[in-house]
Amino acid sequence: MIICTNNRQYYPGENVMALTYFAPEFHVGTVGSVLKRANGRLLAIRTLDGQILKWFTIFELESADPEDHILREGHYAYVTTDRLGFSLEKGAMVQIVKRIDEIDYYEVSVNNGSERYRVTSIDITSQL
C-alpha cells in the first residue's frame, strides 16, 4: 500500500480544492473554504469480501469489539456514516488494514456554507 502525505497546513478562510470524492456536493475539483483544523488518525479499510479499500477518519468508524474501542490494524469496525459516496453502507463491517496516527483534518465548507465536510490534508490542495 502506498501512503501519500501532504505536510502543508491550511488555515481558516483559505480556499482549497477537493482531490477525492466524498459526496455529490464534494467531489474532485469542488472548491471550499477551510473553517478549522484539527489533528487525528486515518484508517485504511477493506470490506469483508476484500473488494473495497478506502481511507476513513476515526469519526467514521466504531470498533466492533465492545471490550476494545481502540481501532487497530487487523481489527474489525462498523461504518458509522452514510456520506461515503459509494456502495458501502452505514453499519457495514470492515477490517482495518492500515493506520496513520497523525494527520491533519480540516472542516471545509462548500456550496456557500450549506455543506460541511471533515477531510484530511491528503484529500485537498490549494485552490489553483
N, C-alpha and C. Protein backbone atom coordinates (compact mmCIF):
# COMPACT_ATOMS: atom_id res chain seq x y z
N MET A 1 0.84 -1.17 0.00
CA MET A 1 0.00 0.00 0.00
C MET A 1 0.88 1.24 0.00
N ILE A 2 0.58 2.19 -0.86
CA ILE A 2 1.32 3.44 -0.92
C ILE A 2 0.57 4.47 -0.09
N ILE A 3 1.30 5.17 0.76
CA ILE A 3 0.69 6.20 1.60
C ILE A 3 1.29 7.54 1.19
N CYS A 4 0.43 8.45 0.79
CA CYS A 4 0.87 9.79 0.43
C CYS A 4 0.57 10.72 1.58
N THR A 5 1.48 11.62 1.86
CA THR A 5 1.20 12.61 2.89
C THR A 5 1.38 13.99 2.30
N ASN A 6 0.68 14.94 2.87
CA ASN A 6 0.75 16.33 2.48
C ASN A 6 1.09 17.09 3.76
N ASN A 7 2.30 17.61 3.84
CA ASN A 7 2.72 18.30 5.05
C ASN A 7 2.27 19.76 5.09
N ARG A 8 1.65 20.24 4.04
CA ARG A 8 1.18 21.62 4.00
C ARG A 8 -0.01 21.79 4.92
N GLN A 9 0.00 22.87 5.69
CA GLN A 9 -1.16 23.17 6.54
C GLN A 9 -2.00 24.24 5.85
N TYR A 10 -3.31 24.13 6.05
CA TYR A 10 -4.25 25.10 5.51
C TYR A 10 -4.85 25.85 6.69
N TYR A 11 -5.27 27.08 6.45
CA TYR A 11 -5.72 27.94 7.54
C TYR A 11 -7.16 28.38 7.33
N PRO A 12 -7.88 28.67 8.43
CA PRO A 12 -9.27 29.14 8.31
C PRO A 12 -9.37 30.30 7.31
N GLY A 13 -10.37 30.18 6.44
CA GLY A 13 -10.60 31.19 5.42
C GLY A 13 -9.91 30.89 4.10
N GLU A 14 -8.95 29.96 4.10
CA GLU A 14 -8.23 29.62 2.88
C GLU A 14 -9.11 28.75 1.98
N ASN A 15 -9.09 29.03 0.68
CA ASN A 15 -9.83 28.22 -0.27
C ASN A 15 -9.00 27.03 -0.69
N VAL A 16 -9.64 25.85 -0.72
CA VAL A 16 -8.99 24.61 -1.12
C VAL A 16 -9.85 23.89 -2.15
N MET A 17 -9.24 22.96 -2.86
CA MET A 17 -9.95 22.18 -3.87
C MET A 17 -9.86 20.70 -3.53
N ALA A 18 -10.96 19.98 -3.71
CA ALA A 18 -11.01 18.55 -3.41
C ALA A 18 -10.22 17.75 -4.44
N LEU A 19 -9.45 16.78 -3.93
CA LEU A 19 -8.71 15.85 -4.79
C LEU A 19 -9.37 14.48 -4.83
N THR A 20 -10.36 14.25 -3.96
CA THR A 20 -11.05 12.96 -3.87
C THR A 20 -12.55 13.18 -3.78
N TYR A 21 -13.30 12.12 -3.90
CA TYR A 21 -14.77 12.15 -3.88
C TYR A 21 -15.27 11.83 -2.48
N PHE A 22 -16.13 12.70 -1.93
CA PHE A 22 -16.75 12.45 -0.63
C PHE A 22 -18.25 12.29 -0.77
N ALA A 23 -18.85 13.12 -1.58
CA ALA A 23 -20.30 13.12 -1.76
C ALA A 23 -20.59 13.90 -3.04
N PRO A 24 -21.82 13.81 -3.54
CA PRO A 24 -22.13 14.57 -4.76
C PRO A 24 -21.81 16.06 -4.64
N GLU A 25 -21.90 16.61 -3.43
CA GLU A 25 -21.62 18.04 -3.23
C GLU A 25 -20.13 18.32 -3.06
N PHE A 26 -19.32 17.27 -2.83
CA PHE A 26 -17.89 17.47 -2.59
C PHE A 26 -17.12 16.39 -3.33
N HIS A 27 -16.77 16.70 -4.57
CA HIS A 27 -16.09 15.74 -5.44
C HIS A 27 -14.84 16.39 -6.01
N VAL A 28 -14.06 15.66 -6.78
CA VAL A 28 -12.83 16.18 -7.35
C VAL A 28 -13.10 17.50 -8.07
N GLY A 29 -12.35 18.52 -7.69
CA GLY A 29 -12.49 19.84 -8.31
C GLY A 29 -13.37 20.81 -7.55
N THR A 30 -14.16 20.33 -6.59
CA THR A 30 -15.01 21.22 -5.80
C THR A 30 -14.13 22.13 -4.95
N VAL A 31 -14.50 23.41 -4.92
CA VAL A 31 -13.75 24.38 -4.12
C VAL A 31 -14.54 24.69 -2.86
N GLY A 32 -13.82 24.74 -1.74
CA GLY A 32 -14.44 25.06 -0.46
C GLY A 32 -13.53 25.95 0.36
N SER A 33 -14.02 26.35 1.52
CA SER A 33 -13.26 27.22 2.41
C SER A 33 -12.98 26.49 3.72
N VAL A 34 -11.75 26.55 4.18
CA VAL A 34 -11.37 25.91 5.44
C VAL A 34 -12.00 26.67 6.61
N LEU A 35 -12.69 25.93 7.48
CA LEU A 35 -13.29 26.53 8.68
C LEU A 35 -12.39 26.36 9.89
N LYS A 36 -11.83 25.14 10.05
CA LYS A 36 -10.92 24.90 11.17
C LYS A 36 -10.06 23.67 10.90
N ARG A 37 -8.99 23.53 11.69
CA ARG A 37 -8.03 22.45 11.55
C ARG A 37 -7.91 21.69 12.86
N ALA A 38 -7.73 20.36 12.78
CA ALA A 38 -7.50 19.51 13.95
C ALA A 38 -6.51 18.43 13.54
N ASN A 39 -6.13 17.58 14.47
CA ASN A 39 -5.18 16.51 14.18
C ASN A 39 -5.75 15.20 14.70
N GLY A 40 -5.54 14.09 13.97
CA GLY A 40 -6.07 12.81 14.41
C GLY A 40 -5.56 11.66 13.59
N ARG A 41 -6.29 10.53 13.65
CA ARG A 41 -5.90 9.29 12.96
C ARG A 41 -6.64 9.13 11.63
N LEU A 42 -6.03 8.33 10.76
CA LEU A 42 -6.63 7.96 9.50
C LEU A 42 -6.48 6.46 9.35
N LEU A 43 -7.53 5.79 8.89
CA LEU A 43 -7.55 4.33 8.82
C LEU A 43 -7.92 3.86 7.42
N ALA A 44 -7.15 2.92 6.88
CA ALA A 44 -7.49 2.29 5.60
C ALA A 44 -8.26 1.02 5.92
N ILE A 45 -9.32 0.78 5.17
CA ILE A 45 -10.16 -0.40 5.43
C ILE A 45 -10.38 -1.20 4.16
N ARG A 46 -10.87 -2.41 4.37
CA ARG A 46 -11.38 -3.21 3.25
C ARG A 46 -12.64 -3.90 3.75
N THR A 47 -13.52 -4.19 2.81
CA THR A 47 -14.74 -4.88 3.16
C THR A 47 -14.42 -6.34 3.46
N LEU A 48 -15.36 -7.04 4.04
CA LEU A 48 -15.13 -8.45 4.39
C LEU A 48 -14.87 -9.32 3.17
N ASP A 49 -15.40 -8.90 2.01
CA ASP A 49 -15.13 -9.68 0.79
C ASP A 49 -13.86 -9.19 0.07
N GLY A 50 -13.18 -8.19 0.65
CA GLY A 50 -11.92 -7.71 0.10
C GLY A 50 -12.04 -6.82 -1.12
N GLN A 51 -13.24 -6.40 -1.47
CA GLN A 51 -13.47 -5.66 -2.70
C GLN A 51 -13.10 -4.17 -2.65
N ILE A 52 -13.29 -3.53 -1.50
CA ILE A 52 -13.12 -2.08 -1.43
C ILE A 52 -12.01 -1.73 -0.44
N LEU A 53 -11.19 -0.80 -0.83
CA LEU A 53 -10.16 -0.28 0.07
C LEU A 53 -10.30 1.23 0.06
N LYS A 54 -10.48 1.84 1.23
CA LYS A 54 -10.73 3.27 1.32
C LYS A 54 -10.17 3.80 2.63
N TRP A 55 -9.81 5.09 2.65
CA TRP A 55 -9.37 5.74 3.88
C TRP A 55 -10.57 6.29 4.64
N PHE A 56 -10.58 6.09 5.94
CA PHE A 56 -11.63 6.60 6.81
C PHE A 56 -11.01 7.42 7.94
N THR A 57 -11.74 8.41 8.40
CA THR A 57 -11.34 9.12 9.60
C THR A 57 -11.84 8.33 10.81
N ILE A 58 -11.31 8.63 11.98
CA ILE A 58 -11.76 7.92 13.19
C ILE A 58 -13.21 8.25 13.51
N PHE A 59 -13.76 9.31 12.92
CA PHE A 59 -15.14 9.70 13.17
C PHE A 59 -16.12 8.88 12.35
N GLU A 60 -15.62 8.09 11.40
CA GLU A 60 -16.48 7.32 10.50
C GLU A 60 -16.54 5.84 10.84
N LEU A 61 -15.82 5.42 11.89
CA LEU A 61 -15.76 4.01 12.27
C LEU A 61 -15.94 3.84 13.77
N GLU A 62 -16.48 2.68 14.14
CA GLU A 62 -16.64 2.32 15.55
C GLU A 62 -16.19 0.88 15.72
N SER A 63 -15.43 0.62 16.75
CA SER A 63 -14.90 -0.73 16.98
C SER A 63 -16.03 -1.75 17.06
N ALA A 64 -15.82 -2.90 16.43
CA ALA A 64 -16.79 -3.99 16.51
C ALA A 64 -16.63 -4.78 17.81
N ASP A 65 -15.54 -4.55 18.52
CA ASP A 65 -15.26 -5.23 19.79
C ASP A 65 -15.72 -4.36 20.95
N PRO A 66 -16.78 -4.75 21.66
CA PRO A 66 -17.28 -3.92 22.76
C PRO A 66 -16.30 -3.81 23.93
N GLU A 67 -15.30 -4.68 23.96
CA GLU A 67 -14.30 -4.66 25.04
C GLU A 67 -13.10 -3.77 24.69
N ASP A 68 -12.87 -3.50 23.41
CA ASP A 68 -11.70 -2.75 22.98
C ASP A 68 -12.14 -1.70 21.95
N HIS A 69 -12.11 -0.45 22.35
CA HIS A 69 -12.60 0.62 21.48
C HIS A 69 -11.50 1.28 20.65
N ILE A 70 -10.26 0.82 20.82
CA ILE A 70 -9.16 1.38 20.05
C ILE A 70 -9.12 0.70 18.69
N LEU A 71 -9.12 1.50 17.63
CA LEU A 71 -9.11 0.97 16.27
C LEU A 71 -7.67 0.69 15.85
N ARG A 72 -7.36 -0.61 15.69
CA ARG A 72 -6.00 -1.05 15.34
C ARG A 72 -6.01 -1.85 14.04
N GLU A 73 -4.81 -1.95 13.43
CA GLU A 73 -4.68 -2.76 12.22
C GLU A 73 -5.08 -4.20 12.53
N GLY A 74 -5.87 -4.79 11.63
CA GLY A 74 -6.33 -6.16 11.80
C GLY A 74 -7.67 -6.26 12.51
N HIS A 75 -8.07 -5.23 13.23
CA HIS A 75 -9.34 -5.25 13.95
C HIS A 75 -10.51 -4.93 13.01
N TYR A 76 -11.69 -5.27 13.48
CA TYR A 76 -12.91 -5.02 12.71
C TYR A 76 -13.65 -3.83 13.30
N ALA A 77 -14.38 -3.14 12.42
CA ALA A 77 -15.13 -1.95 12.85
C ALA A 77 -16.40 -1.84 12.02
N TYR A 78 -17.34 -1.04 12.53
CA TYR A 78 -18.57 -0.73 11.81
C TYR A 78 -18.47 0.67 11.24
N VAL A 79 -18.98 0.86 10.04
CA VAL A 79 -19.05 2.17 9.41
C VAL A 79 -20.17 2.96 10.10
N THR A 80 -19.88 4.20 10.52
CA THR A 80 -20.87 4.99 11.25
C THR A 80 -21.41 6.17 10.45
N THR A 81 -21.05 6.27 9.18
CA THR A 81 -21.52 7.38 8.36
C THR A 81 -22.20 6.86 7.11
N ASP A 82 -23.12 7.64 6.58
CA ASP A 82 -23.76 7.26 5.32
C ASP A 82 -23.35 8.21 4.19
N ARG A 83 -22.34 9.05 4.44
CA ARG A 83 -21.90 10.03 3.44
C ARG A 83 -20.59 9.58 2.81
N LEU A 84 -20.61 8.41 2.17
CA LEU A 84 -19.38 7.86 1.63
C LEU A 84 -19.27 7.97 0.11
N GLY A 85 -20.36 8.14 -0.56
CA GLY A 85 -20.31 8.31 -2.00
C GLY A 85 -20.10 7.04 -2.80
N PHE A 86 -20.19 5.87 -2.19
CA PHE A 86 -20.12 4.61 -2.94
C PHE A 86 -20.94 3.57 -2.21
N SER A 87 -20.85 2.33 -2.59
CA SER A 87 -21.80 1.30 -2.17
C SER A 87 -21.59 0.75 -0.75
N LEU A 88 -20.72 1.28 0.04
CA LEU A 88 -20.54 0.81 1.41
C LEU A 88 -21.50 1.57 2.32
N GLU A 89 -22.41 0.84 2.95
CA GLU A 89 -23.48 1.48 3.72
C GLU A 89 -23.13 1.61 5.20
N LYS A 90 -23.82 2.53 5.84
CA LYS A 90 -23.71 2.71 7.28
C LYS A 90 -24.05 1.38 7.96
N GLY A 91 -23.24 0.98 8.94
CA GLY A 91 -23.46 -0.27 9.65
C GLY A 91 -22.67 -1.44 9.09
N ALA A 92 -22.06 -1.28 7.91
CA ALA A 92 -21.27 -2.36 7.31
C ALA A 92 -20.04 -2.64 8.17
N MET A 93 -19.68 -3.92 8.27
CA MET A 93 -18.46 -4.28 9.00
C MET A 93 -17.29 -4.28 8.02
N VAL A 94 -16.16 -3.71 8.47
CA VAL A 94 -14.96 -3.63 7.66
C VAL A 94 -13.76 -4.04 8.51
N GLN A 95 -12.64 -4.30 7.86
CA GLN A 95 -11.41 -4.62 8.58
C GLN A 95 -10.40 -3.50 8.37
N ILE A 96 -9.73 -3.10 9.43
CA ILE A 96 -8.71 -2.06 9.34
C ILE A 96 -7.42 -2.70 8.87
N VAL A 97 -6.85 -2.16 7.78
CA VAL A 97 -5.63 -2.74 7.23
C VAL A 97 -4.41 -1.83 7.41
N LYS A 98 -4.62 -0.55 7.66
CA LYS A 98 -3.51 0.38 7.88
C LYS A 98 -4.00 1.55 8.73
N ARG A 99 -3.11 2.04 9.60
CA ARG A 99 -3.47 3.16 10.48
C ARG A 99 -2.36 4.20 10.43
N ILE A 100 -2.74 5.45 10.21
CA ILE A 100 -1.83 6.59 10.30
C ILE A 100 -2.23 7.34 11.56
N ASP A 101 -1.32 7.47 12.51
CA ASP A 101 -1.66 8.06 13.80
C ASP A 101 -1.76 9.58 13.81
N GLU A 102 -1.01 10.25 12.98
CA GLU A 102 -1.00 11.71 12.99
C GLU A 102 -1.25 12.27 11.60
N ILE A 103 -2.40 12.91 11.41
CA ILE A 103 -2.69 13.57 10.14
C ILE A 103 -3.61 14.75 10.43
N ASP A 104 -3.45 15.81 9.66
CA ASP A 104 -4.30 16.98 9.83
C ASP A 104 -5.67 16.75 9.20
N TYR A 105 -6.71 17.19 9.92
CA TYR A 105 -8.09 17.18 9.44
C TYR A 105 -8.53 18.62 9.28
N TYR A 106 -9.39 18.83 8.29
CA TYR A 106 -9.92 20.16 8.07
C TYR A 106 -11.43 20.08 7.91
N GLU A 107 -12.12 21.00 8.55
CA GLU A 107 -13.55 21.15 8.30
C GLU A 107 -13.65 22.16 7.16
N VAL A 108 -14.26 21.71 6.04
CA VAL A 108 -14.33 22.53 4.84
C VAL A 108 -15.80 22.79 4.52
N SER A 109 -16.10 24.05 4.25
CA SER A 109 -17.44 24.48 3.88
C SER A 109 -17.53 24.60 2.37
N VAL A 110 -18.59 24.02 1.77
CA VAL A 110 -18.81 24.13 0.33
C VAL A 110 -20.23 24.59 0.07
N ASN A 111 -20.51 24.94 -1.18
CA ASN A 111 -21.84 25.40 -1.59
C ASN A 111 -22.33 26.55 -0.73
N ASN A 112 -21.51 27.59 -0.62
CA ASN A 112 -21.86 28.78 0.17
C ASN A 112 -22.20 28.46 1.61
N GLY A 113 -21.53 27.47 2.16
CA GLY A 113 -21.70 27.13 3.58
C GLY A 113 -22.83 26.17 3.87
N SER A 114 -23.56 25.71 2.85
CA SER A 114 -24.69 24.81 3.11
C SER A 114 -24.26 23.39 3.43
N GLU A 115 -23.03 23.01 3.06
CA GLU A 115 -22.50 21.68 3.34
C GLU A 115 -21.14 21.82 4.01
N ARG A 116 -20.86 20.92 4.97
CA ARG A 116 -19.56 20.89 5.63
C ARG A 116 -19.03 19.47 5.63
N TYR A 117 -17.73 19.34 5.37
CA TYR A 117 -17.10 18.03 5.33
C TYR A 117 -15.82 18.06 6.14
N ARG A 118 -15.54 16.96 6.82
CA ARG A 118 -14.27 16.79 7.53
C ARG A 118 -13.37 15.96 6.63
N VAL A 119 -12.30 16.58 6.15
CA VAL A 119 -11.39 15.95 5.19
C VAL A 119 -9.97 16.00 5.74
N THR A 120 -9.09 15.21 5.16
CA THR A 120 -7.69 15.21 5.59
C THR A 120 -6.84 16.02 4.63
N SER A 121 -5.61 16.27 5.04
CA SER A 121 -4.70 17.06 4.21
C SER A 121 -4.35 16.35 2.90
N ILE A 122 -4.53 15.03 2.81
CA ILE A 122 -4.24 14.34 1.55
C ILE A 122 -5.42 14.38 0.59
N ASP A 123 -6.57 14.91 1.05
CA ASP A 123 -7.77 14.98 0.20
C ASP A 123 -7.96 16.32 -0.46
N ILE A 124 -7.14 17.32 -0.10
CA ILE A 124 -7.33 18.66 -0.63
C ILE A 124 -6.00 19.26 -1.08
N THR A 125 -6.09 20.33 -1.85
CA THR A 125 -4.92 21.11 -2.26
C THR A 125 -5.34 22.56 -2.32
N SER A 126 -4.38 23.46 -2.41
CA SER A 126 -4.69 24.88 -2.56
C SER A 126 -5.48 25.08 -3.84
N GLN A 127 -6.42 26.02 -3.80
CA GLN A 127 -7.20 26.29 -5.00
C GLN A 127 -6.26 26.83 -6.08
N LEU A 128 -6.36 26.26 -7.27
CA LEU A 128 -5.48 26.67 -8.37
C LEU A 128 -5.96 27.93 -9.03
